[in-house]
C-alpha cells in the first residue's frame, strides 16, 4: 500500500485564531444568504397560497421568523467573532 501521499499531507493549519474565525464567518455568510433568500421567497409564496388554513399560516410564519433569526445570527457573526477573539486572545 502506497502511503506517500498520506505521509506528505499536512493537517489544516491556520496561522492565528483570527484567520480561523474570519474564515468561518465569511463562509457562513457567503453560502447562507442565497439559501435564506430562496427559502423566504418560497415560504412567502406558500403563505400567500395557503388560503384560510390558519394552522399552515402559523407554521409558515414560524419558519420565516426562524430563518430571519438565523440570518441575524449569521450576519451578526462578525461581532460574535470579534468578541470571541478578544476573550481567547485574538487580535481583531
Protein backbone atom coordinates (compact mmCIF):
# COMPACT_ATOMS: atom_id res chain seq x y z
CA UNK A 1 0.00 0.00 0.00
CA UNK A 2 1.44 3.36 -1.08
CA UNK A 3 1.18 5.88 1.77
CA UNK A 4 3.48 8.55 0.35
CA UNK A 5 0.57 10.96 -0.13
CA UNK A 6 -0.55 10.43 3.45
CA UNK A 7 2.93 10.93 4.85
CA UNK A 8 3.43 14.22 2.97
CA UNK A 9 -0.04 15.64 3.75
CA UNK A 10 -0.46 18.42 6.30
CA UNK A 11 -3.47 18.93 8.56
CA UNK A 12 -5.49 22.10 8.14
CA UNK A 13 -3.48 24.89 9.67
CA UNK A 14 -4.31 28.47 10.45
CA UNK A 15 -1.65 30.99 11.32
CA UNK A 16 -3.79 32.52 14.05
CA UNK A 17 -7.22 32.42 15.64
CA UNK A 18 -8.37 35.48 13.71
CA UNK A 19 -7.84 33.78 10.37
CA UNK A 20 -9.86 30.76 11.51
CA UNK A 21 -12.76 32.83 12.89
CA UNK A 22 -12.99 35.15 9.89
CA UNK A 23 -12.78 32.20 7.51
CA UNK A 24 -15.74 30.55 9.22
CA UNK A 25 -17.72 33.81 9.28
CA UNK A 26 -17.14 34.57 5.60
CA UNK A 27 -18.00 31.02 4.56
CA UNK A 28 -21.27 31.04 6.51
CA UNK A 29 -22.25 34.42 5.16
CA UNK A 30 -21.33 33.55 1.56
CA UNK A 31 -23.44 30.39 1.40
CA UNK A 32 -26.33 31.30 3.68
CA UNK A 33 -27.58 34.48 2.01
CA UNK A 34 -28.81 32.90 -1.25
CA UNK A 35 -30.27 29.91 0.59
CA UNK A 36 -32.11 32.18 3.01
CA UNK A 37 -33.42 34.40 0.20
CA UNK A 38 -34.75 31.42 -1.76
CA UNK A 39 -36.29 29.88 1.36
CA UNK A 40 -38.04 33.10 2.41
CA UNK A 41 -39.36 33.70 -1.12
CA UNK A 42 -40.67 30.13 -1.34
CA UNK A 43 -42.26 30.31 2.09
CA UNK A 44 -43.82 33.65 1.13
CA UNK A 45 -45.43 32.07 -1.93
CA UNK A 46 -46.73 29.22 0.22
CA UNK A 47 -48.04 31.75 2.74
CA UNK A 48 -49.93 33.66 0.06
CA UNK A 49 -51.39 30.47 -1.40
CA UNK A 50 -52.36 28.97 1.97
CA UNK A 51 -55.85 30.47 1.83
CA UNK A 52 -57.83 30.15 5.05
CA UNK A 53 -55.69 27.44 6.62
CA UNK A 54 -54.64 29.22 9.82
CA UNK A 55 -52.54 26.31 11.09
CA UNK A 56 -50.45 26.31 7.91
CA UNK A 57 -50.10 30.09 8.03
CA UNK A 58 -48.84 29.90 11.61
CA UNK A 59 -46.27 27.23 10.71
CA UNK A 60 -45.06 29.19 7.68
CA UNK A 61 -44.74 32.41 9.69
CA UNK A 62 -42.78 30.48 12.31
CA UNK A 63 -40.38 29.20 9.64
CA UNK A 64 -39.89 32.69 8.24
CA UNK A 65 -39.19 34.10 11.70
CA UNK A 66 -36.71 31.28 12.41
CA UNK A 67 -34.89 31.97 9.14
CA UNK A 68 -34.69 35.68 9.95
CA UNK A 69 -33.33 34.95 13.43
CA UNK A 70 -30.76 32.61 11.92
CA UNK A 71 -29.79 35.30 9.42
CA UNK A 72 -29.39 37.79 12.23
CA UNK A 73 -27.03 35.39 13.99
CA UNK A 74 -25.06 34.58 10.84
CA UNK A 75 -24.66 38.18 9.76
CA UNK A 76 -24.02 39.25 13.34
CA UNK A 77 -21.27 36.65 13.39
CA UNK A 78 -18.64 39.27 12.68
CA UNK A 79 -19.46 40.84 16.03
CA UNK A 80 -19.54 37.43 17.71
CA UNK A 81 -16.18 36.51 16.16
CA UNK A 82 -14.72 39.77 17.43
CA UNK A 83 -15.98 39.12 20.96
CA UNK A 84 -14.71 35.54 20.95
CA UNK A 85 -11.37 36.66 19.57
CA UNK A 86 -10.93 39.23 22.33
CA UNK A 87 -11.79 36.76 25.09
CA UNK A 88 -9.47 34.00 23.88
CA UNK A 89 -6.58 36.24 22.92
CA UNK A 90 -7.07 37.08 19.27
CA UNK A 91 -6.21 40.42 17.71
CA UNK A 92 -9.15 41.79 15.77
